[in-house]
Protein backbone atom coordinates (compact mmCIF):
# COMPACT_ATOMS: atom_id res chain seq x y z
CA MET A 1 122.66 99.24 139.16
CA SER A 2 119.05 98.48 138.38
CA GLY A 3 115.99 97.85 140.46
CA LYS A 4 114.44 99.68 143.33
CA SER A 5 117.57 99.86 145.47
CA ASN A 6 118.95 102.92 143.66
CA LEU A 7 115.71 104.97 143.71
CA LYS A 8 115.52 108.04 145.90
CA PRO A 9 112.15 108.98 147.38
CA ILE A 10 110.58 112.29 146.44
CA ARG A 11 110.46 114.41 149.59
CA SER A 12 108.26 117.34 148.56
CA ALA A 13 105.78 118.56 145.98
CA GLY A 14 108.38 121.02 144.70
CA GLU A 15 110.86 118.21 144.11
CA ALA A 16 108.18 116.16 142.31
CA ARG A 17 107.32 119.17 140.15
CA GLU A 18 110.99 119.73 139.25
CA LYS A 19 111.55 116.08 138.33
CA GLY A 20 108.36 116.08 136.28
CA LYS A 21 109.51 119.21 134.46
CA LYS A 22 112.87 117.61 133.61
CA GLY A 23 111.13 114.46 132.35
CA GLY A 24 108.78 116.52 130.18
CA ILE A 25 111.65 118.44 128.62
CA ALA A 26 113.55 115.20 127.89
CA SER A 27 110.42 113.64 126.37
CA GLY A 28 109.93 116.67 124.12
CA LEU A 29 113.52 116.48 122.89
CA VAL A 30 113.16 112.79 122.03
CA ARG A 31 109.88 113.44 120.18
CA ALA A 32 111.48 116.27 118.21
CA LYS A 33 114.42 114.04 117.29
CA ARG A 34 112.06 111.30 116.07
CA ALA A 35 110.07 113.82 114.05
CA THR A 36 113.28 115.06 112.44
CA LEU A 37 114.31 111.49 111.55
CA ARG A 38 110.86 110.81 110.12
CA GLN A 39 110.98 113.98 108.02
CA THR A 40 114.49 113.11 106.80
CA LEU A 41 113.36 109.63 105.73
CA LEU A 42 110.31 111.05 103.93
CA THR A 43 112.54 113.52 102.07
CA LEU A 44 115.04 110.81 101.13
CA LEU A 45 112.26 108.57 99.84
CA GLU A 46 111.40 111.30 97.32
CA THR A 47 114.92 111.51 95.90
CA ASN A 48 115.86 109.67 92.70
CA VAL A 49 118.24 106.75 93.08
CA LYS A 50 119.96 104.35 90.70
CA THR A 51 118.67 100.82 91.10
CA PRO A 52 119.65 97.38 89.84
CA PHE A 53 116.10 97.06 88.48
CA SER A 54 116.29 99.78 85.85
CA GLU A 55 118.80 101.79 83.83
CA ASP A 56 116.95 104.98 84.73
CA LYS A 57 116.83 106.52 88.17
CA MET A 58 113.58 106.19 90.08
CA PRO A 59 112.26 107.67 93.32
CA ALA A 60 113.61 105.83 96.37
CA ASP A 61 110.14 104.93 97.64
CA GLN A 62 109.30 103.26 94.32
CA ALA A 63 112.66 101.47 94.28
CA LEU A 64 112.02 100.25 97.83
CA ALA A 65 108.56 98.94 96.92
CA PHE A 66 109.84 97.37 93.70
CA GLY A 67 112.66 95.64 95.60
CA GLN A 68 110.22 94.18 98.11
CA ILE A 69 107.97 92.91 95.32
CA ILE A 70 110.92 91.21 93.59
CA LYS A 71 111.99 89.59 96.89
CA ALA A 72 108.40 88.41 97.48
CA VAL A 73 108.17 86.89 94.00
CA ASN A 74 111.46 85.07 94.62
CA GLY A 75 109.99 83.42 97.74
CA ASP A 76 110.83 85.78 100.62
CA THR A 77 107.79 85.39 102.86
CA SER A 78 108.57 88.41 105.02
CA ALA A 79 108.72 90.60 101.90
CA ALA A 80 105.36 89.20 100.79
CA VAL A 81 103.87 89.98 104.22
CA PHE A 82 105.31 93.52 104.02
CA VAL A 83 103.73 94.11 100.59
CA ARG A 84 100.39 92.63 101.67
CA ASP A 85 100.24 94.68 104.86
CA THR A 86 101.35 97.88 103.13
CA ILE A 87 98.58 97.73 100.54
CA GLY A 88 96.02 97.24 103.31
CA GLU A 89 95.25 93.55 102.80
CA LYS A 90 96.33 92.40 106.25
CA PRO A 91 93.80 89.87 107.54
CA LYS A 92 92.00 90.77 110.73
CA GLU A 93 93.23 88.96 113.79
CA VAL A 94 90.25 87.31 115.43
CA VAL A 95 90.46 86.13 118.99
CA ASP A 96 87.85 83.61 120.11
CA ALA A 97 87.27 84.24 123.76
CA ASN A 98 84.73 82.14 125.56
CA LEU A 99 84.21 84.11 128.73
CA SER A 100 81.39 82.10 130.26
CA ILE A 101 82.46 80.83 133.62
CA PRO A 102 80.35 78.27 135.49
CA VAL A 103 79.31 79.46 138.92
CA ILE A 104 79.20 76.81 141.60
CA ILE A 105 77.47 77.70 144.83
CA ASP A 106 78.87 75.48 147.49
CA ASP A 107 77.77 77.25 150.66
CA LEU A 108 75.56 74.83 152.55
CA SER A 109 76.51 76.14 155.94
CA THR A 110 73.19 77.81 156.80
CA PRO A 111 70.28 75.76 158.11
CA GLU A 112 68.02 77.19 155.37
CA ALA A 113 70.41 76.07 152.66
CA LYS A 114 70.58 72.59 154.15
CA ARG A 115 66.78 72.32 154.06
CA GLY A 116 66.65 73.83 150.56
CA LYS A 117 64.62 76.87 151.62
CA ARG A 118 65.36 80.52 151.03
CA LYS A 119 65.51 83.01 153.83
CA VAL A 120 62.71 85.56 153.46
CA LYS A 121 63.56 89.11 154.46
């Protein structure tokens, strides 16, 4: 069931505090899990692997980069974009935003406006 129909209102500050505490703990666990996955991937990228590119083993990060370069040379555009972006050559995305808006004053309801005179205060 999704949507607002299954939500229960928070009845007190204590209840809000308890729900916030549970959410914070869950968020911390997810962040820790992601950090562990990131660290595992960084460690694995340092290990030597056998590749179809060379008879010798090479570090996994070099094999990964070399594989992307070979795919790019063979015409894989997404591999070429990956290589370009990874080396820091991604072009800047420029957005042309013309924010000038014409202002039309169409309030001729006052007698002064009808005569073309300003009201002096």
